[in-house]
Amino acid sequence: MTSTTLSSATLLQRNPDMVAANLDGDLVMMNEKLGRYYGISGVGARAWELLETPASVDDLVSTICQEYDIDNNTCHQDISRFAQDLIKVNLIEPVSK
């Protein structure tokens, strides 16, 4: 998936093959099928928590802007880039209709 195919309103969900654990505020994830490990900290870990239920980039930005001292434009750019990165490594995926 390229950045041009993900809209701000596209619902995203966690890859169901991922197993995640919170270790002292850092999120550690593993894809059991592929045997790959990933780590996320800070706001990224919060975004992962918010994806417990399907959410769009706009949904994530709205919540994170309320919880953190960040302006909307910067947050939107960062969350969009973060979502693209997670999609590239199959940690999250668009909700199929």
N, C-alpha and C. Protein backbone atom coordinates (compact mmCIF):
# COMPACT_ATOMS: atom_id res chain seq x y z
N MET A 1 0.84 -1.18 0.00
CA MET A 1 0.00 0.00 0.00
C MET A 1 0.89 1.24 0.00
N THR A 2 0.57 2.19 -0.82
CA THR A 2 1.36 3.41 -0.89
C THR A 2 0.65 4.51 -0.12
N SER A 3 1.39 5.58 0.13
CA SER A 3 0.82 6.68 0.90
C SER A 3 -0.37 7.31 0.19
N THR A 4 -0.46 7.18 -1.12
CA THR A 4 -1.57 7.79 -1.84
C THR A 4 -2.85 6.98 -1.70
N THR A 5 -2.79 5.75 -1.25
CA THR A 5 -3.99 4.93 -1.14
C THR A 5 -4.58 4.92 0.26
N LEU A 6 -3.91 5.54 1.22
CA LEU A 6 -4.43 5.60 2.58
C LEU A 6 -4.98 6.99 2.84
N SER A 7 -6.29 7.08 3.03
CA SER A 7 -6.88 8.38 3.34
C SER A 7 -6.95 8.54 4.85
N SER A 8 -7.15 9.76 5.28
CA SER A 8 -7.25 10.05 6.71
C SER A 8 -8.46 9.39 7.35
N ALA A 9 -9.44 9.04 6.53
CA ALA A 9 -10.67 8.45 7.04
C ALA A 9 -10.69 6.92 6.95
N THR A 10 -9.68 6.33 6.32
CA THR A 10 -9.63 4.87 6.20
C THR A 10 -9.53 4.24 7.58
N LEU A 11 -10.42 3.31 7.87
CA LEU A 11 -10.35 2.62 9.16
C LEU A 11 -9.18 1.65 9.16
N LEU A 12 -8.40 1.69 10.22
CA LEU A 12 -7.24 0.81 10.38
C LEU A 12 -7.47 -0.11 11.56
N GLN A 13 -6.89 -1.28 11.48
CA GLN A 13 -6.98 -2.23 12.59
C GLN A 13 -5.65 -2.92 12.78
N ARG A 14 -5.46 -3.45 13.97
CA ARG A 14 -4.25 -4.21 14.26
C ARG A 14 -4.25 -5.50 13.45
N ASN A 15 -3.08 -5.95 13.08
CA ASN A 15 -2.95 -7.26 12.45
C ASN A 15 -3.25 -8.29 13.54
N PRO A 16 -4.24 -9.16 13.32
CA PRO A 16 -4.61 -10.13 14.36
C PRO A 16 -3.51 -11.14 14.68
N ASP A 17 -2.49 -11.24 13.83
CA ASP A 17 -1.38 -12.17 14.09
C ASP A 17 -0.36 -11.61 15.08
N MET A 18 -0.54 -10.34 15.49
CA MET A 18 0.43 -9.71 16.38
C MET A 18 0.08 -10.00 17.84
N VAL A 19 1.10 -10.33 18.61
CA VAL A 19 0.98 -10.48 20.05
C VAL A 19 1.76 -9.33 20.66
N ALA A 20 1.13 -8.57 21.57
CA ALA A 20 1.78 -7.38 22.12
C ALA A 20 1.77 -7.42 23.64
N ALA A 21 2.80 -6.83 24.23
CA ALA A 21 2.90 -6.71 25.68
C ALA A 21 3.51 -5.36 26.02
N ASN A 22 3.04 -4.77 27.12
CA ASN A 22 3.56 -3.50 27.58
C ASN A 22 4.65 -3.79 28.61
N LEU A 23 5.86 -3.33 28.36
CA LEU A 23 6.98 -3.52 29.27
C LEU A 23 7.49 -2.16 29.72
N ASP A 24 7.10 -1.74 30.91
CA ASP A 24 7.53 -0.47 31.48
C ASP A 24 7.27 0.71 30.55
N GLY A 25 6.09 0.75 29.94
CA GLY A 25 5.72 1.86 29.08
C GLY A 25 6.09 1.70 27.62
N ASP A 26 6.91 0.71 27.31
CA ASP A 26 7.25 0.43 25.92
C ASP A 26 6.43 -0.77 25.46
N LEU A 27 6.04 -0.73 24.21
CA LEU A 27 5.25 -1.81 23.65
C LEU A 27 6.15 -2.73 22.85
N VAL A 28 6.10 -4.00 23.15
CA VAL A 28 6.88 -4.99 22.42
C VAL A 28 5.87 -5.91 21.73
N MET A 29 6.07 -6.12 20.42
CA MET A 29 5.14 -6.93 19.65
C MET A 29 5.89 -8.02 18.90
N MET A 30 5.18 -9.10 18.66
CA MET A 30 5.75 -10.20 17.91
C MET A 30 4.72 -10.74 16.94
N ASN A 31 5.18 -11.01 15.73
CA ASN A 31 4.36 -11.71 14.76
C ASN A 31 4.78 -13.17 14.85
N GLU A 32 3.93 -14.00 15.45
CA GLU A 32 4.28 -15.40 15.67
C GLU A 32 4.53 -16.15 14.36
N LYS A 33 3.75 -15.83 13.34
CA LYS A 33 3.90 -16.53 12.06
C LYS A 33 5.24 -16.24 11.41
N LEU A 34 5.68 -14.98 11.51
CA LEU A 34 6.93 -14.58 10.86
C LEU A 34 8.13 -14.63 11.81
N GLY A 35 7.87 -14.70 13.11
CA GLY A 35 8.96 -14.71 14.08
C GLY A 35 9.68 -13.38 14.16
N ARG A 36 8.97 -12.27 13.91
CA ARG A 36 9.58 -10.93 13.95
C ARG A 36 9.11 -10.18 15.18
N TYR A 37 10.03 -9.40 15.76
CA TYR A 37 9.74 -8.59 16.93
C TYR A 37 9.80 -7.11 16.57
N TYR A 38 8.95 -6.32 17.23
CA TYR A 38 8.91 -4.88 17.01
C TYR A 38 8.76 -4.20 18.36
N GLY A 39 9.24 -2.97 18.46
CA GLY A 39 9.09 -2.19 19.67
C GLY A 39 8.59 -0.79 19.35
N ILE A 40 7.67 -0.30 20.17
CA ILE A 40 7.12 1.06 20.00
C ILE A 40 7.08 1.70 21.39
N SER A 41 7.42 2.98 21.44
CA SER A 41 7.35 3.68 22.72
C SER A 41 6.64 5.02 22.54
N GLY A 42 6.39 5.69 23.65
CA GLY A 42 5.81 7.03 23.62
C GLY A 42 4.43 7.09 23.01
N VAL A 43 4.22 8.11 22.19
CA VAL A 43 2.92 8.34 21.57
C VAL A 43 2.55 7.17 20.65
N GLY A 44 3.55 6.54 20.04
CA GLY A 44 3.28 5.38 19.18
C GLY A 44 2.60 4.26 19.94
N ALA A 45 3.04 4.03 21.17
CA ALA A 45 2.41 3.00 21.99
C ALA A 45 0.96 3.36 22.29
N ARG A 46 0.69 4.65 22.50
CA ARG A 46 -0.68 5.10 22.75
C ARG A 46 -1.53 4.91 21.49
N ALA A 47 -0.97 5.22 20.33
CA ALA A 47 -1.70 5.02 19.07
C ALA A 47 -2.06 3.54 18.91
N TRP A 48 -1.13 2.65 19.25
CA TRP A 48 -1.39 1.20 19.17
C TRP A 48 -2.55 0.83 20.10
N GLU A 49 -2.55 1.38 21.32
CA GLU A 49 -3.65 1.13 22.25
C GLU A 49 -4.98 1.56 21.65
N LEU A 50 -4.98 2.72 21.01
CA LEU A 50 -6.22 3.23 20.41
C LEU A 50 -6.71 2.35 19.27
N LEU A 51 -5.82 1.60 18.67
CA LEU A 51 -6.21 0.70 17.58
C LEU A 51 -6.73 -0.64 18.08
N GLU A 52 -7.00 -0.72 19.38
CA GLU A 52 -7.64 -1.92 19.93
C GLU A 52 -8.98 -2.14 19.21
N THR A 53 -9.62 -1.04 18.85
CA THR A 53 -10.79 -1.10 17.98
C THR A 53 -10.43 -0.31 16.72
N PRO A 54 -10.99 -0.66 15.57
CA PRO A 54 -10.63 0.04 14.34
C PRO A 54 -10.81 1.56 14.49
N ALA A 55 -9.83 2.29 13.96
CA ALA A 55 -9.84 3.75 14.03
C ALA A 55 -9.14 4.30 12.79
N SER A 56 -9.51 5.50 12.42
CA SER A 56 -8.87 6.16 11.29
C SER A 56 -7.73 7.04 11.78
N VAL A 57 -6.91 7.51 10.86
CA VAL A 57 -5.86 8.46 11.21
C VAL A 57 -6.50 9.69 11.87
N ASP A 58 -7.61 10.15 11.32
CA ASP A 58 -8.30 11.30 11.91
C ASP A 58 -8.74 11.03 13.35
N ASP A 59 -9.24 9.81 13.62
CA ASP A 59 -9.62 9.44 14.98
C ASP A 59 -8.42 9.48 15.92
N LEU A 60 -7.31 8.91 15.45
CA LEU A 60 -6.09 8.88 16.28
C LEU A 60 -5.59 10.29 16.56
N VAL A 61 -5.57 11.12 15.53
CA VAL A 61 -5.11 12.50 15.68
C VAL A 61 -5.98 13.25 16.69
N SER A 62 -7.27 13.10 16.59
CA SER A 62 -8.19 13.78 17.50
C SER A 62 -7.90 13.43 18.95
N THR A 63 -7.78 12.14 19.23
CA THR A 63 -7.52 11.70 20.60
C THR A 63 -6.14 12.13 21.09
N ILE A 64 -5.13 11.94 20.26
CA ILE A 64 -3.76 12.26 20.67
C ILE A 64 -3.59 13.77 20.89
N CYS A 65 -4.22 14.59 20.07
CA CYS A 65 -4.14 16.04 20.26
C CYS A 65 -4.80 16.46 21.58
N GLN A 66 -5.81 15.73 22.00
CA GLN A 66 -6.46 16.03 23.28
C GLN A 66 -5.58 15.62 24.46
N GLU A 67 -4.83 14.54 24.28
CA GLU A 67 -4.04 13.98 25.39
C GLU A 67 -2.62 14.53 25.49
N TYR A 68 -2.08 15.03 24.39
CA TYR A 68 -0.69 15.50 24.35
C TYR A 68 -0.66 16.95 23.89
N ASP A 69 0.39 17.65 24.23
CA ASP A 69 0.57 19.04 23.82
C ASP A 69 1.21 19.07 22.44
N ILE A 70 0.38 18.92 21.41
CA ILE A 70 0.87 18.91 20.03
C ILE A 70 -0.18 19.56 19.14
N ASP A 71 0.29 20.29 18.14
CA ASP A 71 -0.68 20.93 17.24
C ASP A 71 -1.21 19.90 16.24
N ASN A 72 -2.39 20.19 15.73
CA ASN A 72 -3.10 19.25 14.87
C ASN A 72 -2.33 18.90 13.61
N ASN A 73 -1.73 19.88 12.93
CA ASN A 73 -1.02 19.60 11.68
C ASN A 73 0.18 18.69 11.89
N THR A 74 0.98 18.99 12.91
CA THR A 74 2.15 18.16 13.21
C THR A 74 1.71 16.75 13.59
N CYS A 75 0.70 16.66 14.42
CA CYS A 75 0.20 15.35 14.85
C CYS A 75 -0.30 14.55 13.64
N HIS A 76 -1.04 15.21 12.75
CA HIS A 76 -1.58 14.52 11.58
C HIS A 76 -0.45 13.98 10.70
N GLN A 77 0.57 14.79 10.47
CA GLN A 77 1.72 14.33 9.67
C GLN A 77 2.41 13.15 10.34
N ASP A 78 2.64 13.25 11.64
CA ASP A 78 3.34 12.19 12.36
C ASP A 78 2.53 10.89 12.40
N ILE A 79 1.24 11.00 12.68
CA ILE A 79 0.40 9.80 12.76
C ILE A 79 0.23 9.18 11.38
N SER A 80 0.11 9.98 10.35
CA SER A 80 0.00 9.44 8.98
C SER A 80 1.26 8.66 8.62
N ARG A 81 2.42 9.23 8.93
CA ARG A 81 3.70 8.56 8.64
C ARG A 81 3.82 7.28 9.48
N PHE A 82 3.44 7.36 10.73
CA PHE A 82 3.47 6.21 11.63
C PHE A 82 2.58 5.08 11.10
N ALA A 83 1.37 5.43 10.69
CA ALA A 83 0.44 4.43 10.15
C ALA A 83 1.02 3.79 8.89
N GLN A 84 1.59 4.60 8.00
CA GLN A 84 2.21 4.05 6.79
C GLN A 84 3.33 3.08 7.14
N ASP A 85 4.15 3.46 8.12
CA ASP A 85 5.25 2.58 8.53
C ASP A 85 4.73 1.26 9.09
N LEU A 86 3.67 1.32 9.90
CA LEU A 86 3.11 0.09 10.47
C LEU A 86 2.47 -0.78 9.40
N ILE A 87 1.85 -0.15 8.40
CA ILE A 87 1.26 -0.92 7.30
C ILE A 87 2.36 -1.63 6.51
N LYS A 88 3.48 -0.95 6.27
CA LYS A 88 4.59 -1.54 5.49
C LYS A 88 5.13 -2.80 6.13
N VAL A 89 5.11 -2.87 7.47
CA VAL A 89 5.65 -4.05 8.15
C VAL A 89 4.52 -4.95 8.68
N ASN A 90 3.30 -4.71 8.17
CA ASN A 90 2.13 -5.56 8.47
C ASN A 90 1.73 -5.59 9.93
N LEU A 91 1.96 -4.50 10.66
CA LEU A 91 1.49 -4.44 12.05
C LEU A 91 0.04 -4.00 12.12
N ILE A 92 -0.36 -3.15 11.17
CA ILE A 92 -1.75 -2.77 11.04
C ILE A 92 -2.17 -2.90 9.59
N GLU A 93 -3.47 -2.87 9.36
CA GLU A 93 -4.00 -3.02 8.01
C GLU A 93 -5.32 -2.29 7.91
N PRO A 94 -5.68 -1.87 6.70
CA PRO A 94 -7.00 -1.26 6.52
C PRO A 94 -8.09 -2.30 6.81
N VAL A 95 -9.18 -1.83 7.37
CA VAL A 95 -10.32 -2.72 7.64
C VAL A 95 -10.91 -3.11 6.30
N SER A 96 -11.04 -4.40 6.06
CA SER A 96 -11.67 -4.84 4.80
C SER A 96 -13.17 -4.78 4.96
N LYS A 97 -13.81 -4.37 3.90
CA LYS A 97 -15.28 -4.17 3.96
C LYS A 97 -16.01 -5.43 3.67
